[in-house]
């Protein structure tokens, strides 16, 4: 009986301490990005995924998971702009982009 108790105690210790805990959203791990772009109908891509138009994120910030993200702002006829943004711990960033017309 003692052997099972100690085995269970060791197993609980290993399971509770031995594995990293998952980062959870909604508890301060996310960050927010306000995008002020000209033209305001430029597309916004986060890590290669289209998330909408820049005008959406002027008054309603884009919520990003904790970590570094690659942001691309693009529109046909303009030279795209690329930025890297770190989000986390309820950070708030404002990204101001003026796309230049393509030659």
C-alpha atoms as a PDB file:
ATOM      1  CA  UNK A   1       0.000   0.000   0.000  1.00  0.00           C
ATOM      2  CA  UNK A   2       2.836   2.377   0.833  1.00  0.00           C
ATOM      3  CA  UNK A   3       4.453   1.702  -2.505  1.00  0.00           C
ATOM      4  CA  UNK A   4       1.311   2.819  -4.377  1.00  0.00           C
ATOM      5  CA  UNK A   5       1.043   5.940  -2.222  1.00  0.00           C
ATOM      6  CA  UNK A   6       4.617   7.008  -2.967  1.00  0.00           C
ATOM      7  CA  UNK A   7       4.236   6.133  -6.655  1.00  0.00           C
ATOM      8  CA  UNK A   8       1.079   8.271  -6.819  1.00  0.00           C
ATOM      9  CA  UNK A   9       2.778  11.117  -4.955  1.00  0.00           C
ATOM     10  CA  UNK A  10       5.726  11.078  -7.369  1.00  0.00           C
ATOM     11  CA  UNK A  11       3.377  10.938 -10.357  1.00  0.00           C
ATOM     12  CA  UNK A  12       1.399  13.952  -9.082  1.00  0.00           C
ATOM     13  CA  UNK A  13       4.625  15.888  -8.537  1.00  0.00           C
ATOM     14  CA  UNK A  14       5.929  15.104 -12.032  1.00  0.00           C
ATOM     15  CA  UNK A  15       2.624  15.944 -13.737  1.00  0.00           C
ATOM     16  CA  UNK A  16       2.187  19.186 -11.791  1.00  0.00           C
ATOM     17  CA  UNK A  17       5.716  20.526 -12.148  1.00  0.00           C
ATOM     18  CA  UNK A  18       7.330  18.739 -15.027  1.00  0.00           C
ATOM     19  CA  UNK A  19       5.363  20.128 -17.962  1.00  0.00           C
ATOM     20  CA  UNK A  20       5.074  23.780 -19.052  1.00  0.00           C
ATOM     21  CA  UNK A  21       1.643  25.293 -18.722  1.00  0.00           C
ATOM     22  CA  UNK A  22      -0.196  26.527 -21.790  1.00  0.00           C
ATOM     23  CA  UNK A  23      -0.373  30.277 -22.367  1.00  0.00           C
ATOM     24  CA  UNK A  24      -3.977  31.321 -21.969  1.00  0.00           C
ATOM     25  CA  UNK A  25      -5.755  34.136 -23.767  1.00  0.00           C
ATOM     26  CA  UNK A  26      -7.802  36.659 -21.898  1.00  0.00           C
ATOM     27  CA  UNK A  27      -5.579  36.875 -18.838  1.00  0.00           C
ATOM     28  CA  UNK A  28      -3.186  39.600 -19.930  1.00  0.00           C
ATOM     29  CA  UNK A  29      -1.168  37.596 -22.431  1.00  0.00           C
ATOM     30  CA  UNK A  30      -2.496  39.312 -25.542  1.00  0.00           C
ATOM     31  CA  UNK A  31      -1.609  42.670 -27.049  1.00  0.00           C
ATOM     32  CA  UNK A  32      -3.452  45.189 -29.187  1.00  0.00           C
ATOM     33  CA  UNK A  33      -2.508  46.962 -32.409  1.00  0.00           C
ATOM     34  CA  UNK A  34      -4.083  50.138 -33.776  1.00  0.00           C
ATOM     35  CA  UNK A  35      -3.392  50.635 -37.483  1.00  0.00           C
ATOM     36  CA  UNK A  36      -3.467  54.068 -39.096  1.00  0.00           C
ATOM     37  CA  UNK A  37      -2.783  53.484 -42.788  1.00  0.00           C
ATOM     38  CA  UNK A  38      -3.025  55.582 -45.910  1.00  0.00           C
ATOM     39  CA  UNK A  39      -4.873  54.497 -47.969  1.00  0.00           C
ATOM     40  CA  UNK A  40      -7.207  53.203 -45.273  1.00  0.00           C
ATOM     41  CA  UNK A  41      -8.608  50.448 -47.497  1.00  0.00           C
ATOM     42  CA  UNK A  42      -5.235  48.660 -47.593  1.00  0.00           C
ATOM     43  CA  UNK A  43      -5.225  44.991 -46.617  1.00  0.00           C
ATOM     44  CA  UNK A  44      -3.695  43.917 -43.305  1.00  0.00           C
ATOM     45  CA  UNK A  45      -1.935  40.569 -43.068  1.00  0.00           C
ATOM     46  CA  UNK A  46      -0.704  39.088 -39.796  1.00  0.00           C
ATOM     47  CA  UNK A  47       1.825  36.276 -40.180  1.00  0.00           C
ATOM     48  CA  UNK A  48       0.685  35.877 -43.799  1.00  0.00           C
ATOM     49  CA  UNK A  49      -3.036  35.668 -42.979  1.00  0.00           C
ATOM     50  CA  UNK A  50      -5.428  38.370 -44.205  1.00  0.00           C
ATOM     51  CA  UNK A  51      -7.267  39.822 -41.194  1.00  0.00           C
ATOM     52  CA  UNK A  52      -9.119  42.691 -42.877  1.00  0.00           C
ATOM     53  CA  UNK A  53      -8.759  46.293 -43.997  1.00  0.00           C
ATOM     54  CA  UNK A  54      -6.681  48.885 -42.157  1.00  0.00           C
ATOM     55  CA  UNK A  55      -9.742  51.090 -41.512  1.00  0.00           C
ATOM     56  CA  UNK A  56     -11.207  48.330 -39.287  1.00  0.00           C
ATOM     57  CA  UNK A  57      -8.330  48.664 -36.834  1.00  0.00           C
ATOM     58  CA  UNK A  58      -8.324  52.452 -36.358  1.00  0.00           C
ATOM     59  CA  UNK A  59     -10.987  52.514 -33.647  1.00  0.00           C
ATOM     60  CA  UNK A  60     -11.203  48.775 -32.930  1.00  0.00           C
ATOM     61  CA  UNK A  61      -7.658  47.515 -32.197  1.00  0.00           C
ATOM     62  CA  UNK A  62      -6.488  44.214 -33.617  1.00  0.00           C
ATOM     63  CA  UNK A  63      -6.022  41.657 -30.824  1.00  0.00           C
ATOM     64  CA  UNK A  64      -2.828  39.613 -31.145  1.00  0.00           C
ATOM     65  CA  UNK A  65      -1.679  36.560 -29.198  1.00  0.00           C
ATOM     66  CA  UNK A  66       1.439  36.998 -27.123  1.00  0.00           C
ATOM     67  CA  UNK A  67       4.613  36.905 -29.219  1.00  0.00           C
ATOM     68  CA  UNK A  68       6.227  38.512 -32.247  1.00  0.00           C
ATOM     69  CA  UNK A  69       4.063  38.967 -35.339  1.00  0.00           C
ATOM     70  CA  UNK A  70       4.886  39.923 -38.921  1.00  0.00           C
ATOM     71  CA  UNK A  71       2.529  42.626 -40.144  1.00  0.00           C
ATOM     72  CA  UNK A  72       2.100  43.420 -43.844  1.00  0.00           C
ATOM     73  CA  UNK A  73       0.057  46.343 -45.167  1.00  0.00           C
ATOM     74  CA  UNK A  74      -0.610  46.153 -48.909  1.00  0.00           C
ATOM     75  CA  UNK A  75      -2.805  47.452 -51.691  1.00  0.00           C
ATOM     76  CA  UNK A  76      -2.668  46.942 -55.450  1.00  0.00           C
ATOM     77  CA  UNK A  77      -0.757  49.795 -57.074  1.00  0.00           C
ATOM     78  CA  UNK A  78       1.246  50.570 -53.903  1.00  0.00           C
ATOM     79  CA  UNK A  79       4.537  49.307 -52.465  1.00  0.00           C
ATOM     80  CA  UNK A  80       3.743  47.007 -49.490  1.00  0.00           C
ATOM     81  CA  UNK A  81       5.113  47.805 -46.021  1.00  0.00           C
ATOM     82  CA  UNK A  82       6.325  45.188 -43.533  1.00  0.00           C
ATOM     83  CA  UNK A  83       6.761  45.508 -39.758  1.00  0.00           C
ATOM     84  CA  UNK A  84       7.410  43.200 -36.815  1.00  0.00           C
ATOM     85  CA  UNK A  85       5.418  43.842 -33.663  1.00  0.00           C
ATOM     86  CA  UNK A  86       5.715  42.211 -30.261  1.00  0.00           C
ATOM     87  CA  UNK A  87       2.421  41.747 -28.440  1.00  0.00           C
ATOM     88  CA  UNK A  88       1.928  40.654 -24.869  1.00  0.00           C
ATOM     89  CA  UNK A  89       1.029  41.702 -21.339  1.00  0.00           C
ATOM     90  CA  UNK A  90      -1.816  43.920 -22.571  1.00  0.00           C
ATOM     91  CA  UNK A  91       0.606  45.947 -24.732  1.00  0.00           C
ATOM     92  CA  UNK A  92      -0.865  48.594 -27.057  1.00  0.00           C
ATOM     93  CA  UNK A  93       0.919  49.682 -30.222  1.00  0.00           C
ATOM     94  CA  UNK A  94      -0.034  52.147 -32.922  1.00  0.00           C
ATOM     95  CA  UNK A  95       1.301  51.482 -36.393  1.00  0.00           C
ATOM     96  CA  UNK A  96       1.298  54.465 -38.773  1.00  0.00           C
ATOM     97  CA  UNK A  97       1.863  53.522 -42.412  1.00  0.00           C
ATOM     98  CA  UNK A  98       1.751  55.659 -45.551  1.00  0.00           C
ATOM     99  CA  UNK A  99       1.944  53.380 -48.567  1.00  0.00           C
ATOM    100  CA  UNK A 100       3.800  54.844 -51.533  1.00  0.00           C
ATOM    101  CA  UNK A 101       2.478  54.443 -55.057  1.00  0.00           C
ATOM    102  CA  UNK A 102       4.285  51.824 -57.093  1.00  0.00           C
ATOM    103  CA  UNK A 103       6.302  53.203 -60.029  1.00  0.00           C
END
